[in-house]
Amino acid sequence: MFSVVIPLYNKEVSIKSTIQSVLDQSFQEFEIIVINDGSTDSSVAVVEDINDTRIRIINQQNQGVSAARNRGIQEARCNWVTFLDGDDLWKANHLSLFANMIINYPHDKVFCTSHTKSKTICKGEGTDEIVIVDDYFKEVLRHVDFLWTSATCIHVSVFNEVGKFIEGISRGEDLNLWARIGKRYRIIRSCKLTAVYRIDSENKLTSKRSRYNQSILSLIDLRGLKGKERVYFKQMVFKRLKSNLRHLDIKGLIRLIYKHNIELIK
């Protein structure tokens, strides 16, 4: 039922527990697609030592997490694609919750659960509330990270409709995809905490400023945007402008003002 796509790049310490959290699921109808994105450590050897025929390893040259996820989508044999980064974790009820949501909302194609940041599996459960998100931009302005990659479940047909992750972007590539999906599909969100973002894992993307050409900022065009969609992306631009000022990045400041000019004051 589920294709679990795991992009892998130098996660030899974390990857075993990540995959084990999938194998420990109460719902067992899944395949695991590990996309080795040119790892240079022992990550692949760790995966190869796990004895389960549902695990497939696909090797490619290092192209970044978006290319790895896209390859996983391409290789998926099931109708429902879920993502799990190579250092994050799922609680045992993660896939069973998705399976029940799919049954209860048979006409929907985009689902998500809630997540927490932790060094280990947290004890919190969240609530049983189901939120139907008809307006993605309204929801994301209220809860900026409500849709997180390792807590999503998406029907493969959605990617045929809106496209996949933008490659060459290392910051905000997921936000770009969620925005495209949110414009076309409603999202069924569970408030159950079933996914864990591990803040202590190795090779984690740091919080330092991203390069403009490698971030979602380079893709934003405010022209023609309206309503809450415009507010959402405009907030991103202003956040970067403030960052440029704080870091005395005059070149970056001028670049953004020149690109968006009058759109910034509309």
C-alpha atoms as a PDB file:
ATOM      1  CA  MET A   1       0.000   0.000   0.000  1.00  0.00           C
ATOM      2  CA  PHE A   2       2.791   2.446   0.963  1.00  0.00           C
ATOM      3  CA  SER A   3       6.105   3.205  -0.713  1.00  0.00           C
ATOM      4  CA  VAL A   4       8.412   4.617   1.955  1.00  0.00           C
ATOM      5  CA  VAL A   5      11.037   6.825   0.292  1.00  0.00           C
ATOM      6  CA  ILE A   6      14.199   7.373   2.331  1.00  0.00           C
ATOM      7  CA  PRO A   7      16.904   9.646   0.865  1.00  0.00           C
ATOM      8  CA  LEU A   8      20.279   8.628   2.242  1.00  0.00           C
ATOM      9  CA  TYR A   9      23.467  10.641   2.408  1.00  0.00           C
ATOM     10  CA  ASN A  10      26.090   9.878   5.071  1.00  0.00           C
ATOM     11  CA  LYS A  11      23.767   8.752   7.861  1.00  0.00           C
ATOM     12  CA  GLU A  12      25.623   5.673   9.063  1.00  0.00           C
ATOM     13  CA  VAL A  13      24.838   6.406  12.719  1.00  0.00           C
ATOM     14  CA  SER A  14      21.121   7.137  12.265  1.00  0.00           C
ATOM     15  CA  ILE A  15      19.877   5.080   9.335  1.00  0.00           C
ATOM     16  CA  LYS A  16      19.460   1.776  11.159  1.00  0.00           C
ATOM     17  CA  SER A  17      17.095   3.226  13.777  1.00  0.00           C
ATOM     18  CA  THR A  18      15.243   5.137  11.055  1.00  0.00           C
ATOM     19  CA  ILE A  19      14.560   1.990   9.046  1.00  0.00           C
ATOM     20  CA  GLN A  20      13.764   0.037  12.205  1.00  0.00           C
ATOM     21  CA  SER A  21      11.048   2.567  13.024  1.00  0.00           C
ATOM     22  CA  VAL A  22       9.446   1.616   9.693  1.00  0.00           C
ATOM     23  CA  LEU A  23       9.843  -2.125  10.255  1.00  0.00           C
ATOM     24  CA  ASP A  24       8.202  -1.711  13.669  1.00  0.00           C
ATOM     25  CA  GLN A  25       5.015  -0.255  12.190  1.00  0.00           C
ATOM     26  CA  SER A  26       1.756  -1.866  13.284  1.00  0.00           C
ATOM     27  CA  PHE A  27       0.646  -1.619   9.628  1.00  0.00           C
ATOM     28  CA  GLN A  28       2.992  -3.834   7.625  1.00  0.00           C
ATOM     29  CA  GLU A  29       1.918  -3.390   3.996  1.00  0.00           C
ATOM     30  CA  PHE A  30       4.806  -1.309   2.654  1.00  0.00           C
ATOM     31  CA  GLU A  31       8.022  -1.254   0.685  1.00  0.00           C
ATOM     32  CA  ILE A  32      11.117   0.735   1.655  1.00  0.00           C
ATOM     33  CA  ILE A  33      13.038   2.520  -1.111  1.00  0.00           C
ATOM     34  CA  VAL A  34      16.417   3.784   0.079  1.00  0.00           C
ATOM     35  CA  ILE A  35      17.948   6.215  -2.390  1.00  0.00           C
ATOM     36  CA  ASN A  36      21.673   6.302  -1.696  1.00  0.00           C
ATOM     37  CA  ASP A  37      22.622   9.772  -2.884  1.00  0.00           C
ATOM     38  CA  GLY A  38      26.353   9.158  -3.235  1.00  0.00           C
ATOM     39  CA  SER A  39      27.120   8.426   0.420  1.00  0.00           C
ATOM     40  CA  THR A  40      30.831   8.297   1.237  1.00  0.00           C
ATOM     41  CA  ASP A  41      30.542   6.660   4.668  1.00  0.00           C
ATOM     42  CA  SER A  42      29.235   3.224   5.697  1.00  0.00           C
ATOM     43  CA  SER A  43      25.537   4.097   5.358  1.00  0.00           C
ATOM     44  CA  VAL A  44      24.833   1.600   2.559  1.00  0.00           C
ATOM     45  CA  ALA A  45      26.596  -1.223   4.405  1.00  0.00           C
ATOM     46  CA  VAL A  46      24.403  -0.566   7.438  1.00  0.00           C
ATOM     47  CA  VAL A  47      21.260  -0.840   5.297  1.00  0.00           C
ATOM     48  CA  GLU A  48      22.513  -3.968   3.549  1.00  0.00           C
ATOM     49  CA  ASP A  49      22.907  -5.650   6.943  1.00  0.00           C
ATOM     50  CA  ILE A  50      19.181  -5.271   7.637  1.00  0.00           C
ATOM     51  CA  ASN A  51      17.482  -8.495   6.596  1.00  0.00           C
ATOM     52  CA  ASP A  52      14.132  -7.595   5.079  1.00  0.00           C
ATOM     53  CA  THR A  53      13.116  -8.253   1.477  1.00  0.00           C
ATOM     54  CA  ARG A  54      10.918  -5.150   1.398  1.00  0.00           C
ATOM     55  CA  ILE A  55      14.002  -2.935   1.386  1.00  0.00           C
ATOM     56  CA  ARG A  56      15.403  -1.800  -1.957  1.00  0.00           C
ATOM     57  CA  ILE A  57      18.610   0.222  -2.269  1.00  0.00           C
ATOM     58  CA  ILE A  58      19.023   2.421  -5.333  1.00  0.00           C
ATOM     59  CA  ASN A  59      22.370   4.087  -5.850  1.00  0.00           C
ATOM     60  CA  GLN A  60      22.954   7.378  -7.645  1.00  0.00           C
ATOM     61  CA  GLN A  61      25.628  10.049  -7.782  1.00  0.00           C
ATOM     62  CA  ASN A  62      25.192  12.813  -5.245  1.00  0.00           C
ATOM     63  CA  GLN A  63      22.508  15.169  -6.573  1.00  0.00           C
ATOM     64  CA  GLY A  64      20.857  16.439  -3.419  1.00  0.00           C
ATOM     65  CA  VAL A  65      17.828  15.477  -1.376  1.00  0.00           C
ATOM     66  CA  SER A  66      15.255  16.662  -3.950  1.00  0.00           C
ATOM     67  CA  ALA A  67      16.720  14.460  -6.677  1.00  0.00           C
ATOM     68  CA  ALA A  68      16.828  11.533  -4.244  1.00  0.00           C
ATOM     69  CA  ARG A  69      13.183  11.967  -3.269  1.00  0.00           C
ATOM     70  CA  ASN A  70      12.176  12.339  -6.918  1.00  0.00           C
ATOM     71  CA  ARG A  71      13.998   9.120  -7.779  1.00  0.00           C
ATOM     72  CA  GLY A  72      12.114   7.409  -4.976  1.00  0.00           C
ATOM     73  CA  ILE A  73       8.783   8.651  -6.326  1.00  0.00           C
ATOM     74  CA  GLN A  74       9.783   7.375  -9.768  1.00  0.00           C
ATOM     75  CA  GLU A  75      10.675   3.929  -8.365  1.00  0.00           C
ATOM     76  CA  ALA A  76       7.553   3.605  -6.179  1.00  0.00           C
ATOM     77  CA  ARG A  77       5.504   0.470  -6.779  1.00  0.00           C
ATOM     78  CA  CYS A  78       2.623   1.463  -4.505  1.00  0.00           C
ATOM     79  CA  ASN A  79      -0.083   4.081  -4.962  1.00  0.00           C
ATOM     80  CA  TRP A  80       0.740   5.967  -1.770  1.00  0.00           C
ATOM     81  CA  VAL A  81       4.130   7.607  -1.246  1.00  0.00           C
ATOM     82  CA  THR A  82       5.433   8.500   2.192  1.00  0.00           C
ATOM     83  CA  PHE A  83       8.758  10.151   2.964  1.00  0.00           C
ATOM     84  CA  LEU A  84      11.165   9.622   5.839  1.00  0.00           C
ATOM     85  CA  ASP A  85      14.531  11.345   6.046  1.00  0.00           C
ATOM     86  CA  GLY A  86      17.473   9.113   6.869  1.00  0.00           C
ATOM     87  CA  ASP A  87      17.805  10.367  10.430  1.00  0.00           C
ATOM     88  CA  ASP A  88      14.185  10.834  11.488  1.00  0.00           C
ATOM     89  CA  LEU A  89      11.768   8.413  13.134  1.00  0.00           C
ATOM     90  CA  TRP A  90       8.188   7.224  13.019  1.00  0.00           C
ATOM     91  CA  LYS A  91       6.087   6.006  15.911  1.00  0.00           C
ATOM     92  CA  ALA A  92       4.581   2.550  15.439  1.00  0.00           C
ATOM     93  CA  ASN A  93       1.110   3.891  14.558  1.00  0.00           C
ATOM     94  CA  HIS A  94       2.253   6.218  11.751  1.00  0.00           C
ATOM     95  CA  LEU A  95       1.269   4.119   8.730  1.00  0.00           C
ATOM     96  CA  SER A  96      -1.828   2.625  10.364  1.00  0.00           C
ATOM     97  CA  LEU A  97      -3.116   6.140  10.958  1.00  0.00           C
ATOM     98  CA  PHE A  98      -2.620   6.979   7.284  1.00  0.00           C
ATOM     99  CA  ALA A  99      -4.343   3.747   6.258  1.00  0.00           C
ATOM    100  CA  ASN A 100      -7.386   4.646   8.372  1.00  0.00           C
ATOM    101  CA  MET A 101      -7.461   8.226   7.070  1.00  0.00           C
ATOM    102  CA  ILE A 102      -7.399   6.981   3.483  1.00  0.00           C
ATOM    103  CA  ILE A 103     -10.394   4.755   4.225  1.00  0.00           C
ATOM    104  CA  ASN A 104     -12.289   7.534   5.985  1.00  0.00           C
ATOM    105  CA  TYR A 105     -11.530  10.129   3.277  1.00  0.00           C
ATOM    106  CA  PRO A 106     -11.577   8.052   0.080  1.00  0.00           C
ATOM    107  CA  HIS A 107     -11.751  11.016  -2.298  1.00  0.00           C
ATOM    108  CA  ASP A 108      -8.678  12.797  -0.905  1.00  0.00           C
ATOM    109  CA  LYS A 109      -5.095  12.337  -2.014  1.00  0.00           C
ATOM    110  CA  VAL A 110      -2.956  14.347   0.420  1.00  0.00           C
ATOM    111  CA  PHE A 111      -2.616  13.485   4.105  1.00  0.00           C
ATOM    112  CA  CYS A 112      -0.315  14.454   6.934  1.00  0.00           C
ATOM    113  CA  THR A 113       0.158  13.747  10.604  1.00  0.00           C
ATOM    114  CA  SER A 114       1.800  15.962  13.198  1.00  0.00           C
ATOM    115  CA  HIS A 115       5.423  15.856  14.336  1.00  0.00           C
ATOM    116  CA  THR A 116       7.699  16.797  17.164  1.00  0.00           C
ATOM    117  CA  LYS A 117      11.373  17.648  17.570  1.00  0.00           C
ATOM    118  CA  SER A 118      13.221  15.323  19.869  1.00  0.00           C
ATOM    119  CA  LYS A 119      16.433  13.449  20.573  1.00  0.00           C
ATOM    120  CA  THR A 120      14.429  10.234  21.015  1.00  0.00           C
ATOM    121  CA  ILE A 121      10.881   8.983  20.512  1.00  0.00           C
ATOM    122  CA  CYS A 122       8.768  11.348  22.621  1.00  0.00           C
ATOM    123  CA  LYS A 123       5.959  10.216  24.890  1.00  0.00           C
ATOM    124  CA  GLY A 124       3.444  12.802  23.713  1.00  0.00           C
ATOM    125  CA  GLU A 125       0.580  11.532  21.583  1.00  0.00           C
ATOM    126  CA  GLY A 126      -1.122  14.677  20.332  1.00  0.00           C
ATOM    127  CA  THR A 127      -4.889  14.606  19.874  1.00  0.00           C
ATOM    128  CA  ASP A 128      -7.392  12.644  17.799  1.00  0.00           C
ATOM    129  CA  GLU A 129      -8.552  15.782  15.981  1.00  0.00           C
ATOM    130  CA  ILE A 130      -8.670  15.677  12.188  1.00  0.00           C
ATOM    131  CA  VAL A 131      -8.313  19.040  10.452  1.00  0.00           C
ATOM    132  CA  ILE A 132      -9.546  19.450   6.887  1.00  0.00           C
ATOM    133  CA  VAL A 133      -7.312  22.066   5.269  1.00  0.00           C
ATOM    134  CA  ASP A 134      -9.227  23.633   2.399  1.00  0.00           C
ATOM    135  CA  ASP A 135      -7.006  26.734   2.280  1.00  0.00           C
ATOM    136  CA  TYR A 136      -3.337  25.759   2.446  1.00  0.00           C
ATOM    137  CA  PHE A 137      -2.021  29.311   2.692  1.00  0.00           C
ATOM    138  CA  LYS A 138      -4.409  30.230   5.507  1.00  0.00           C
ATOM    139  CA  GLU A 139      -3.293  27.175   7.468  1.00  0.00           C
ATOM    140  CA  VAL A 140       0.424  27.623   6.837  1.00  0.00           C
ATOM    141  CA  LEU A 141       0.262  31.244   7.956  1.00  0.00           C
ATOM    142  CA  ARG A 142      -1.197  30.009  11.250  1.00  0.00           C
ATOM    143  CA  HIS A 143       0.990  26.899  11.604  1.00  0.00           C
ATOM    144  CA  VAL A 144       4.093  27.458   9.524  1.00  0.00           C
ATOM    145  CA  ASP A 145       5.397  23.888   9.729  1.00  0.00           C
ATOM    146  CA  PHE A 146       2.131  21.939   9.801  1.00  0.00           C
ATOM    147  CA  LEU A 147       3.154  20.072   6.638  1.00  0.00           C
ATOM    148  CA  TRP A 148       6.511  18.352   7.096  1.00  0.00           C
ATOM    149  CA  THR A 149       8.128  15.936   4.674  1.00  0.00           C
ATOM    150  CA  SER A 150       8.560  12.983   7.045  1.00  0.00           C
ATOM    151  CA  ALA A 151       4.908  13.264   8.101  1.00  0.00           C
ATOM    152  CA  THR A 152       3.209  13.291   4.683  1.00  0.00           C
ATOM    153  CA  CYS A 153       1.373  10.694   2.608  1.00  0.00           C
ATOM    154  CA  ILE A 154       0.613  11.553  -1.013  1.00  0.00           C
ATOM    155  CA  HIS A 155      -1.031   9.624  -3.834  1.00  0.00           C
ATOM    156  CA  VAL A 156       1.328   9.128  -6.790  1.00  0.00           C
ATOM    157  CA  SER A 157      -1.146  10.811  -9.165  1.00  0.00           C
ATOM    158  CA  VAL A 158      -0.592  14.111  -7.338  1.00  0.00           C
ATOM    159  CA  PHE A 159       2.999  14.288  -8.557  1.00  0.00           C
ATOM    160  CA  ASN A 160       1.838  13.766 -12.125  1.00  0.00           C
ATOM    161  CA  GLU A 161      -0.457  16.755 -11.674  1.00  0.00           C
ATOM    162  CA  VAL A 162       1.787  19.264  -9.863  1.00  0.00           C
ATOM    163  CA  GLY A 163       5.289  17.930 -10.472  1.00  0.00           C
ATOM    164  CA  LYS A 164       7.901  16.768  -7.979  1.00  0.00           C
ATOM    165  CA  PHE A 165      10.531  18.459  -5.806  1.00  0.00           C
ATOM    166  CA  ILE A 166      12.527  21.220  -7.486  1.00  0.00           C
ATOM    167  CA  GLU A 167      16.082  19.972  -7.905  1.00  0.00           C
ATOM    168  CA  GLY A 168      19.062  22.225  -7.258  1.00  0.00           C
ATOM    169  CA  ILE A 169      17.316  23.814  -4.269  1.00  0.00           C
ATOM    170  CA  SER A 170      18.544  22.852  -0.795  1.00  0.00           C
ATOM    171  CA  ARG A 171      16.373  25.162   1.326  1.00  0.00           C
ATOM    172  CA  GLY A 172      12.609  25.316   0.992  1.00  0.00           C
ATOM    173  CA  GLU A 173      12.337  22.700  -1.759  1.00  0.00           C
ATOM    174  CA  ASP A 174       9.593  21.027   0.247  1.00  0.00           C
ATOM    175  CA  LEU A 175       7.758  24.317   0.864  1.00  0.00           C
ATOM    176  CA  ASN A 176       7.678  24.919  -2.873  1.00  0.00           C
ATOM    177  CA  LEU A 177       6.051  21.542  -3.483  1.00  0.00           C
ATOM    178  CA  TRP A 178       3.540  21.917  -0.635  1.00  0.00           C
ATOM    179  CA  ALA A 179       2.446  25.282  -2.034  1.00  0.00           C
ATOM    180  CA  ARG A 180       1.855  23.762  -5.471  1.00  0.00           C
ATOM    181  CA  ILE A 181      -0.065  20.875  -3.940  1.00  0.00           C
ATOM    182  CA  GLY A 182      -2.051  23.171  -1.626  1.00  0.00           C
ATOM    183  CA  LYS A 183      -3.314  25.207  -4.574  1.00  0.00           C
ATOM    184  CA  ARG A 184      -4.944  22.136  -6.128  1.00  0.00           C
ATOM    185  CA  TYR A 185      -5.780  19.733  -3.315  1.00  0.00           C
ATOM    186  CA  ARG A 186      -7.235  19.906   0.138  1.00  0.00           C
ATOM    187  CA  ILE A 187      -5.099  18.336   2.858  1.00  0.00           C
ATOM    188  CA  ILE A 188      -6.361  15.997   5.571  1.00  0.00           C
ATOM    189  CA  ARG A 189      -4.325  16.594   8.694  1.00  0.00           C
ATOM    190  CA  SER A 190      -4.192  14.459  11.825  1.00  0.00           C
ATOM    191  CA  CYS A 191      -3.101  16.112  15.075  1.00  0.00           C
ATOM    192  CA  LYS A 192      -1.585  12.842  16.271  1.00  0.00           C
ATOM    193  CA  LEU A 193       2.179  13.121  16.863  1.00  0.00           C
ATOM    194  CA  THR A 194       3.550  10.204  14.857  1.00  0.00           C
ATOM    195  CA  ALA A 195       6.796  11.542  13.348  1.00  0.00           C
ATOM    196  CA  VAL A 196       9.957  12.698  15.092  1.00  0.00           C
ATOM    197  CA  TYR A 197      12.462  15.207  13.741  1.00  0.00           C
ATOM    198  CA  ARG A 198      15.755  14.230  15.352  1.00  0.00           C
ATOM    199  CA  ILE A 199      17.686  17.357  16.170  1.00  0.00           C
ATOM    200  CA  ASP A 200      20.776  15.498  17.354  1.00  0.00           C
ATOM    201  CA  SER A 201      21.552  13.376  14.291  1.00  0.00           C
ATOM    202  CA  GLU A 202      24.691  13.585  12.202  1.00  0.00           C
ATOM    203  CA  ASN A 203      25.082  15.554   8.966  1.00  0.00           C
ATOM    204  CA  LYS A 204      22.100  17.762   9.800  1.00  0.00           C
ATOM    205  CA  LEU A 205      21.500  20.860   7.700  1.00  0.00           C
ATOM    206  CA  THR A 206      22.619  23.801   9.822  1.00  0.00           C
ATOM    207  CA  SER A 207      20.596  26.912  10.519  1.00  0.00           C
ATOM    208  CA  LYS A 208      23.084  29.221   8.807  1.00  0.00           C
ATOM    209  CA  ARG A 209      21.853  31.419   5.985  1.00  0.00           C
ATOM    210  CA  SER A 210      21.325  29.581   2.738  1.00  0.00           C
ATOM    211  CA  ARG A 211      22.657  30.763  -0.581  1.00  0.00           C
ATOM    212  CA  TYR A 212      20.011  32.694  -2.495  1.00  0.00           C
ATOM    213  CA  ASN A 213      20.314  30.589  -5.651  1.00  0.00           C
ATOM    214  CA  GLN A 214      19.887  27.401  -3.610  1.00  0.00           C
ATOM    215  CA  SER A 215      16.824  28.518  -1.683  1.00  0.00           C
ATOM    216  CA  ILE A 216      13.122  28.903  -2.366  1.00  0.00           C
ATOM    217  CA  LEU A 217      13.695  32.686  -2.473  1.00  0.00           C
ATOM    218  CA  SER A 218      15.098  32.353  -5.993  1.00  0.00           C
ATOM    219  CA  LEU A 219      11.812  30.811  -7.166  1.00  0.00           C
ATOM    220  CA  ILE A 220       9.414  33.383  -5.720  1.00  0.00           C
ATOM    221  CA  ASP A 221       7.706  35.800  -8.092  1.00  0.00           C
ATOM    222  CA  LEU A 222       5.153  38.038  -6.376  1.00  0.00           C
ATOM    223  CA  ARG A 223       3.613  39.246  -9.616  1.00  0.00           C
ATOM    224  CA  GLY A 224       0.098  37.921 -10.046  1.00  0.00           C
ATOM    225  CA  LEU A 225      -0.123  36.425  -6.566  1.00  0.00           C
ATOM    226  CA  LYS A 226      -3.220  37.307  -4.564  1.00  0.00           C
ATOM    227  CA  GLY A 227      -4.714  36.863  -1.154  1.00  0.00           C
ATOM    228  CA  LYS A 228      -3.050  34.694   1.464  1.00  0.00           C
ATOM    229  CA  GLU A 229      -0.740  33.119  -1.110  1.00  0.00           C
ATOM    230  CA  ARG A 230       0.741  36.554  -1.739  1.00  0.00           C
ATOM    231  CA  VAL A 231       0.995  37.254   1.995  1.00  0.00           C
ATOM    232  CA  TYR A 232       2.780  33.936   2.556  1.00  0.00           C
ATOM    233  CA  PHE A 233       5.450  34.442  -0.091  1.00  0.00           C
ATOM    234  CA  LYS A 234       5.806  38.142   0.637  1.00  0.00           C
ATOM    235  CA  GLN A 235       6.603  37.270   4.242  1.00  0.00           C
ATOM    236  CA  MET A 236       9.401  35.032   3.005  1.00  0.00           C
ATOM    237  CA  VAL A 237      10.867  37.852   0.936  1.00  0.00           C
ATOM    238  CA  PHE A 238      10.705  40.357   3.809  1.00  0.00           C
ATOM    239  CA  LYS A 239      12.277  37.841   6.166  1.00  0.00           C
ATOM    240  CA  ARG A 240      15.214  37.528   3.781  1.00  0.00           C
ATOM    241  CA  LEU A 241      15.431  41.321   3.388  1.00  0.00           C
ATOM    242  CA  LYS A 242      15.702  41.665   7.164  1.00  0.00           C
ATOM    243  CA  SER A 243      18.368  38.970   7.214  1.00  0.00           C
ATOM    244  CA  ASN A 244      20.317  40.795   4.510  1.00  0.00           C
ATOM    245  CA  LEU A 245      20.213  43.981   6.570  1.00  0.00           C
ATOM    246  CA  ARG A 246      21.271  42.159   9.721  1.00  0.00           C
ATOM    247  CA  HIS A 247      24.246  40.587   7.948  1.00  0.00           C
ATOM    248  CA  LEU A 248      25.060  43.765   5.992  1.00  0.00           C
ATOM    249  CA  ASP A 249      24.511  41.849   2.760  1.00  0.00           C
ATOM    250  CA  ILE A 250      23.987  44.906   0.563  1.00  0.00           C
ATOM    251  CA  LYS A 251      24.332  42.951  -2.673  1.00  0.00           C
ATOM    252  CA  GLY A 252      21.613  40.526  -1.604  1.00  0.00           C
ATOM    253  CA  LEU A 253      19.413  43.375  -0.418  1.00  0.00           C
ATOM    254  CA  ILE A 254      19.649  45.176  -3.758  1.00  0.00           C
ATOM    255  CA  ARG A 255      19.040  41.940  -5.671  1.00  0.00           C
ATOM    256  CA  LEU A 256      15.746  41.277  -3.877  1.00  0.00           C
ATOM    257  CA  ILE A 257      14.544  44.879  -4.120  1.00  0.00           C
ATOM    258  CA  TYR A 258      15.399  44.980  -7.824  1.00  0.00           C
ATOM    259  CA  LYS A 259      13.634  41.665  -8.483  1.00  0.00           C
ATOM    260  CA  HIS A 260      10.388  42.472  -6.665  1.00  0.00           C
ATOM    261  CA  ASN A 261      10.520  46.324  -6.698  1.00  0.00           C
ATOM    262  CA  ILE A 262       7.003  47.781  -6.553  1.00  0.00           C
ATOM    263  CA  GLU A 263       5.487  44.409  -5.615  1.00  0.00           C
ATOM    264  CA  LEU A 264       7.005  44.837  -2.145  1.00  0.00           C
ATOM    265  CA  ILE A 265       4.729  47.784  -1.334  1.00  0.00           C
ATOM    266  CA  LYS A 266       1.503  46.540  -2.889  1.00  0.00           C
END
